[in-house]
């Protein structure tokens, strides 16, 4: 995986989506943001969620953790031996 510097959030057609070389592996994030927009969430709320998810995806890239393998243990740091 490449560095997280390329991944960014962009406004597209009135919605928000991840962009950059690594964006295709996070299509689920784009689908979720589109779902929120379809459910008439405020555009500012969708953008805010988008930036939170961008930070999460960047963390996944730096740790080398694939999105489909993320579970509670990964999020809590159990596999890393953290308390």
N, C-alpha and C. Protein backbone atom coordinates (compact mmCIF):
# COMPACT_ATOMS: atom_id res chain seq x y z
N UNK A 1 0.84 -1.18 0.00
CA UNK A 1 0.00 0.00 0.00
C UNK A 1 0.88 1.24 0.00
N UNK A 2 0.35 2.30 -0.57
CA UNK A 2 1.13 3.54 -0.61
C UNK A 2 0.92 4.35 0.65
N UNK A 3 1.60 5.47 0.72
CA UNK A 3 1.45 6.33 1.90
C UNK A 3 0.06 6.93 1.92
N UNK A 4 -0.34 7.43 3.06
CA UNK A 4 -1.68 7.97 3.21
C UNK A 4 -1.82 9.39 2.68
N UNK A 5 -0.74 10.02 2.23
CA UNK A 5 -0.78 11.40 1.78
C UNK A 5 -1.59 11.62 0.53
N UNK A 6 -1.80 10.59 -0.27
CA UNK A 6 -2.52 10.71 -1.52
C UNK A 6 -4.04 10.67 -1.32
N UNK A 7 -4.50 10.03 -0.28
CA UNK A 7 -5.93 9.86 -0.05
C UNK A 7 -6.52 11.17 0.46
N UNK A 8 -7.64 11.59 -0.15
CA UNK A 8 -8.28 12.85 0.24
C UNK A 8 -9.78 12.75 0.01
N UNK A 9 -10.52 13.70 0.56
CA UNK A 9 -11.96 13.77 0.40
C UNK A 9 -12.27 14.88 -0.59
N UNK A 10 -13.13 14.58 -1.57
CA UNK A 10 -13.49 15.56 -2.59
C UNK A 10 -15.00 15.66 -2.71
N UNK A 11 -15.46 16.85 -3.06
CA UNK A 11 -16.88 17.04 -3.35
C UNK A 11 -17.10 16.69 -4.82
N UNK A 12 -18.10 15.83 -5.05
CA UNK A 12 -18.42 15.41 -6.42
C UNK A 12 -19.93 15.40 -6.61
N UNK A 13 -20.39 16.10 -7.60
CA UNK A 13 -21.81 16.10 -7.96
C UNK A 13 -22.70 16.34 -6.74
N UNK A 14 -22.31 17.27 -5.90
CA UNK A 14 -23.10 17.59 -4.73
C UNK A 14 -22.93 16.63 -3.56
N UNK A 15 -22.07 15.64 -3.70
CA UNK A 15 -21.81 14.68 -2.63
C UNK A 15 -20.33 14.65 -2.30
N UNK A 16 -19.95 13.72 -1.46
CA UNK A 16 -18.56 13.60 -1.04
C UNK A 16 -18.06 12.20 -1.29
N UNK A 17 -16.79 12.08 -1.70
CA UNK A 17 -16.19 10.79 -1.99
C UNK A 17 -14.68 10.87 -1.78
N UNK A 18 -14.09 9.72 -1.49
CA UNK A 18 -12.64 9.66 -1.37
C UNK A 18 -12.02 9.70 -2.75
N UNK A 19 -10.85 10.29 -2.85
CA UNK A 19 -10.13 10.39 -4.11
C UNK A 19 -8.66 10.10 -3.85
N UNK A 20 -7.98 9.72 -4.91
CA UNK A 20 -6.56 9.43 -4.82
C UNK A 20 -6.28 7.99 -5.25
N UNK A 21 -5.03 7.67 -5.30
CA UNK A 21 -4.58 6.36 -5.78
C UNK A 21 -5.17 5.22 -4.95
N UNK A 22 -5.30 5.40 -3.66
CA UNK A 22 -5.79 4.33 -2.79
C UNK A 22 -7.31 4.33 -2.61
N UNK A 23 -8.01 5.29 -3.18
CA UNK A 23 -9.45 5.41 -2.98
C UNK A 23 -10.25 4.18 -3.42
N UNK A 24 -9.90 3.50 -4.52
CA UNK A 24 -10.72 2.36 -4.95
C UNK A 24 -10.89 1.26 -3.90
N UNK A 25 -9.92 1.09 -3.03
CA UNK A 25 -10.06 0.04 -2.01
C UNK A 25 -11.01 0.43 -0.89
N UNK A 26 -11.47 1.68 -0.90
CA UNK A 26 -12.40 2.16 0.12
C UNK A 26 -13.74 2.58 -0.48
N UNK A 27 -14.18 1.86 -1.50
CA UNK A 27 -15.46 2.19 -2.15
C UNK A 27 -16.63 2.12 -1.16
N UNK A 28 -16.51 1.28 -0.17
CA UNK A 28 -17.56 1.17 0.84
C UNK A 28 -17.79 2.51 1.54
N UNK A 29 -16.74 3.27 1.74
CA UNK A 29 -16.87 4.59 2.35
C UNK A 29 -17.68 5.51 1.44
N UNK A 30 -17.38 5.49 0.14
CA UNK A 30 -18.13 6.31 -0.81
C UNK A 30 -19.60 5.91 -0.83
N UNK A 31 -19.86 4.61 -0.79
CA UNK A 31 -21.24 4.13 -0.78
C UNK A 31 -21.98 4.61 0.48
N UNK A 32 -21.29 4.59 1.61
CA UNK A 32 -21.90 5.04 2.85
C UNK A 32 -22.20 6.53 2.81
N UNK A 33 -21.27 7.32 2.31
CA UNK A 33 -21.50 8.76 2.21
C UNK A 33 -22.66 9.06 1.26
N UNK A 34 -22.76 8.31 0.17
CA UNK A 34 -23.87 8.49 -0.77
C UNK A 34 -25.19 8.09 -0.10
N UNK A 35 -25.17 7.04 0.70
CA UNK A 35 -26.36 6.62 1.43
C UNK A 35 -26.84 7.73 2.37
N UNK A 36 -25.90 8.35 3.08
CA UNK A 36 -26.28 9.44 3.99
C UNK A 36 -26.91 10.60 3.21
N UNK A 37 -26.34 10.92 2.07
CA UNK A 37 -26.89 11.99 1.24
C UNK A 37 -28.28 11.62 0.73
N UNK A 38 -28.47 10.36 0.33
CA UNK A 38 -29.78 9.89 -0.13
C UNK A 38 -30.83 9.95 0.98
N UNK A 39 -30.39 9.80 2.21
CA UNK A 39 -31.30 9.84 3.36
C UNK A 39 -31.51 11.28 3.85
N UNK A 40 -31.06 12.25 3.05
CA UNK A 40 -31.25 13.67 3.32
C UNK A 40 -30.53 14.17 4.57
N UNK A 41 -29.40 13.57 4.88
CA UNK A 41 -28.56 14.14 5.94
C UNK A 41 -28.03 15.48 5.44
N UNK A 42 -27.77 16.36 6.35
CA UNK A 42 -27.22 17.66 5.99
C UNK A 42 -25.90 17.46 5.24
N UNK A 43 -25.67 18.25 4.19
CA UNK A 43 -24.39 18.16 3.47
C UNK A 43 -23.19 18.37 4.40
N UNK A 44 -23.35 19.21 5.40
CA UNK A 44 -22.25 19.43 6.35
C UNK A 44 -22.01 18.20 7.22
N UNK A 45 -23.07 17.49 7.56
CA UNK A 45 -22.93 16.26 8.33
C UNK A 45 -22.23 15.20 7.50
N UNK A 46 -22.63 15.07 6.25
CA UNK A 46 -21.99 14.08 5.37
C UNK A 46 -20.51 14.42 5.19
N UNK A 47 -20.21 15.69 5.02
CA UNK A 47 -18.81 16.11 4.89
C UNK A 47 -18.03 15.78 6.16
N UNK A 48 -18.62 16.05 7.30
CA UNK A 48 -17.97 15.76 8.58
C UNK A 48 -17.69 14.26 8.73
N UNK A 49 -18.69 13.44 8.44
CA UNK A 49 -18.48 11.99 8.47
C UNK A 49 -17.38 11.60 7.49
N UNK A 50 -17.38 12.25 6.32
CA UNK A 50 -16.37 11.95 5.31
C UNK A 50 -14.96 12.19 5.81
N UNK A 51 -14.75 13.30 6.52
CA UNK A 51 -13.42 13.57 7.04
C UNK A 51 -13.03 12.61 8.15
N UNK A 52 -14.00 12.20 8.97
CA UNK A 52 -13.71 11.20 9.99
C UNK A 52 -13.32 9.87 9.34
N UNK A 53 -14.06 9.49 8.31
CA UNK A 53 -13.74 8.23 7.61
C UNK A 53 -12.43 8.34 6.84
N UNK A 54 -12.11 9.52 6.34
CA UNK A 54 -10.83 9.73 5.68
C UNK A 54 -9.69 9.47 6.66
N UNK A 55 -9.81 10.00 7.86
CA UNK A 55 -8.78 9.77 8.88
C UNK A 55 -8.66 8.29 9.20
N UNK A 56 -9.78 7.59 9.29
CA UNK A 56 -9.78 6.16 9.56
C UNK A 56 -9.10 5.40 8.42
N UNK A 57 -9.42 5.73 7.19
CA UNK A 57 -8.82 5.06 6.03
C UNK A 57 -7.32 5.33 5.95
N UNK A 58 -6.92 6.53 6.27
CA UNK A 58 -5.48 6.84 6.31
C UNK A 58 -4.79 6.01 7.38
N UNK A 59 -5.44 5.82 8.52
CA UNK A 59 -4.88 4.97 9.58
C UNK A 59 -4.74 3.54 9.08
N UNK A 60 -5.76 3.05 8.38
CA UNK A 60 -5.69 1.70 7.83
C UNK A 60 -4.50 1.56 6.88
N UNK A 61 -4.28 2.58 6.05
CA UNK A 61 -3.15 2.54 5.12
C UNK A 61 -1.81 2.52 5.84
N UNK A 62 -1.68 3.30 6.89
CA UNK A 62 -0.39 3.35 7.59
C UNK A 62 -0.12 2.08 8.39
N UNK A 63 -1.18 1.41 8.83
CA UNK A 63 -1.00 0.17 9.58
C UNK A 63 -0.96 -1.05 8.68
N UNK A 64 -1.31 -0.87 7.40
CA UNK A 64 -1.33 -2.00 6.47
C UNK A 64 -2.51 -2.93 6.70
N UNK A 65 -3.53 -2.45 7.38
CA UNK A 65 -4.71 -3.26 7.70
C UNK A 65 -5.76 -3.13 6.60
N UNK A 66 -6.13 -4.23 5.93
CA UNK A 66 -7.19 -4.14 4.91
C UNK A 66 -8.56 -3.93 5.56
N UNK A 67 -9.38 -3.11 4.96
CA UNK A 67 -10.70 -2.80 5.50
C UNK A 67 -11.55 -4.04 5.79
N UNK A 68 -11.60 -5.03 4.90
CA UNK A 68 -12.45 -6.19 5.18
C UNK A 68 -12.03 -6.99 6.42
N UNK A 69 -10.81 -6.82 6.87
CA UNK A 69 -10.32 -7.58 8.02
C UNK A 69 -10.41 -6.81 9.35
N UNK A 70 -10.98 -5.62 9.30
CA UNK A 70 -11.09 -4.81 10.52
C UNK A 70 -12.24 -5.33 11.36
N UNK A 71 -11.92 -5.65 12.58
CA UNK A 71 -12.92 -6.09 13.55
C UNK A 71 -12.69 -5.38 14.86
N UNK A 72 -13.44 -5.76 15.84
CA UNK A 72 -13.34 -5.14 17.16
C UNK A 72 -11.92 -5.23 17.72
N UNK A 73 -11.30 -6.39 17.53
CA UNK A 73 -9.94 -6.58 18.06
C UNK A 73 -8.97 -5.59 17.47
N UNK A 74 -9.08 -5.34 16.18
CA UNK A 74 -8.18 -4.39 15.52
C UNK A 74 -8.43 -2.98 16.05
N UNK A 75 -9.69 -2.61 16.15
CA UNK A 75 -10.02 -1.26 16.60
C UNK A 75 -9.60 -1.01 18.04
N UNK A 76 -9.68 -2.04 18.86
CA UNK A 76 -9.29 -1.89 20.26
C UNK A 76 -7.82 -2.14 20.50
N UNK A 77 -7.09 -2.57 19.46
CA UNK A 77 -5.67 -2.80 19.59
C UNK A 77 -5.31 -4.08 20.28
N UNK A 78 -6.24 -5.02 20.37
CA UNK A 78 -5.99 -6.29 21.04
C UNK A 78 -4.87 -7.07 20.36
N UNK A 79 -4.88 -7.06 19.02
CA UNK A 79 -3.86 -7.81 18.29
C UNK A 79 -2.46 -7.21 18.48
N UNK A 80 -2.40 -5.93 18.85
CA UNK A 80 -1.12 -5.27 19.06
C UNK A 80 -0.65 -5.40 20.51
N UNK A 81 -1.47 -6.07 21.32
CA UNK A 81 -1.11 -6.27 22.71
C UNK A 81 -1.31 -5.05 23.58
N UNK A 82 -2.15 -4.14 23.14
CA UNK A 82 -2.43 -2.94 23.92
C UNK A 82 -3.48 -3.26 24.98
N UNK A 83 -3.43 -2.60 26.12
CA UNK A 83 -4.44 -2.87 27.17
C UNK A 83 -5.82 -2.37 26.79
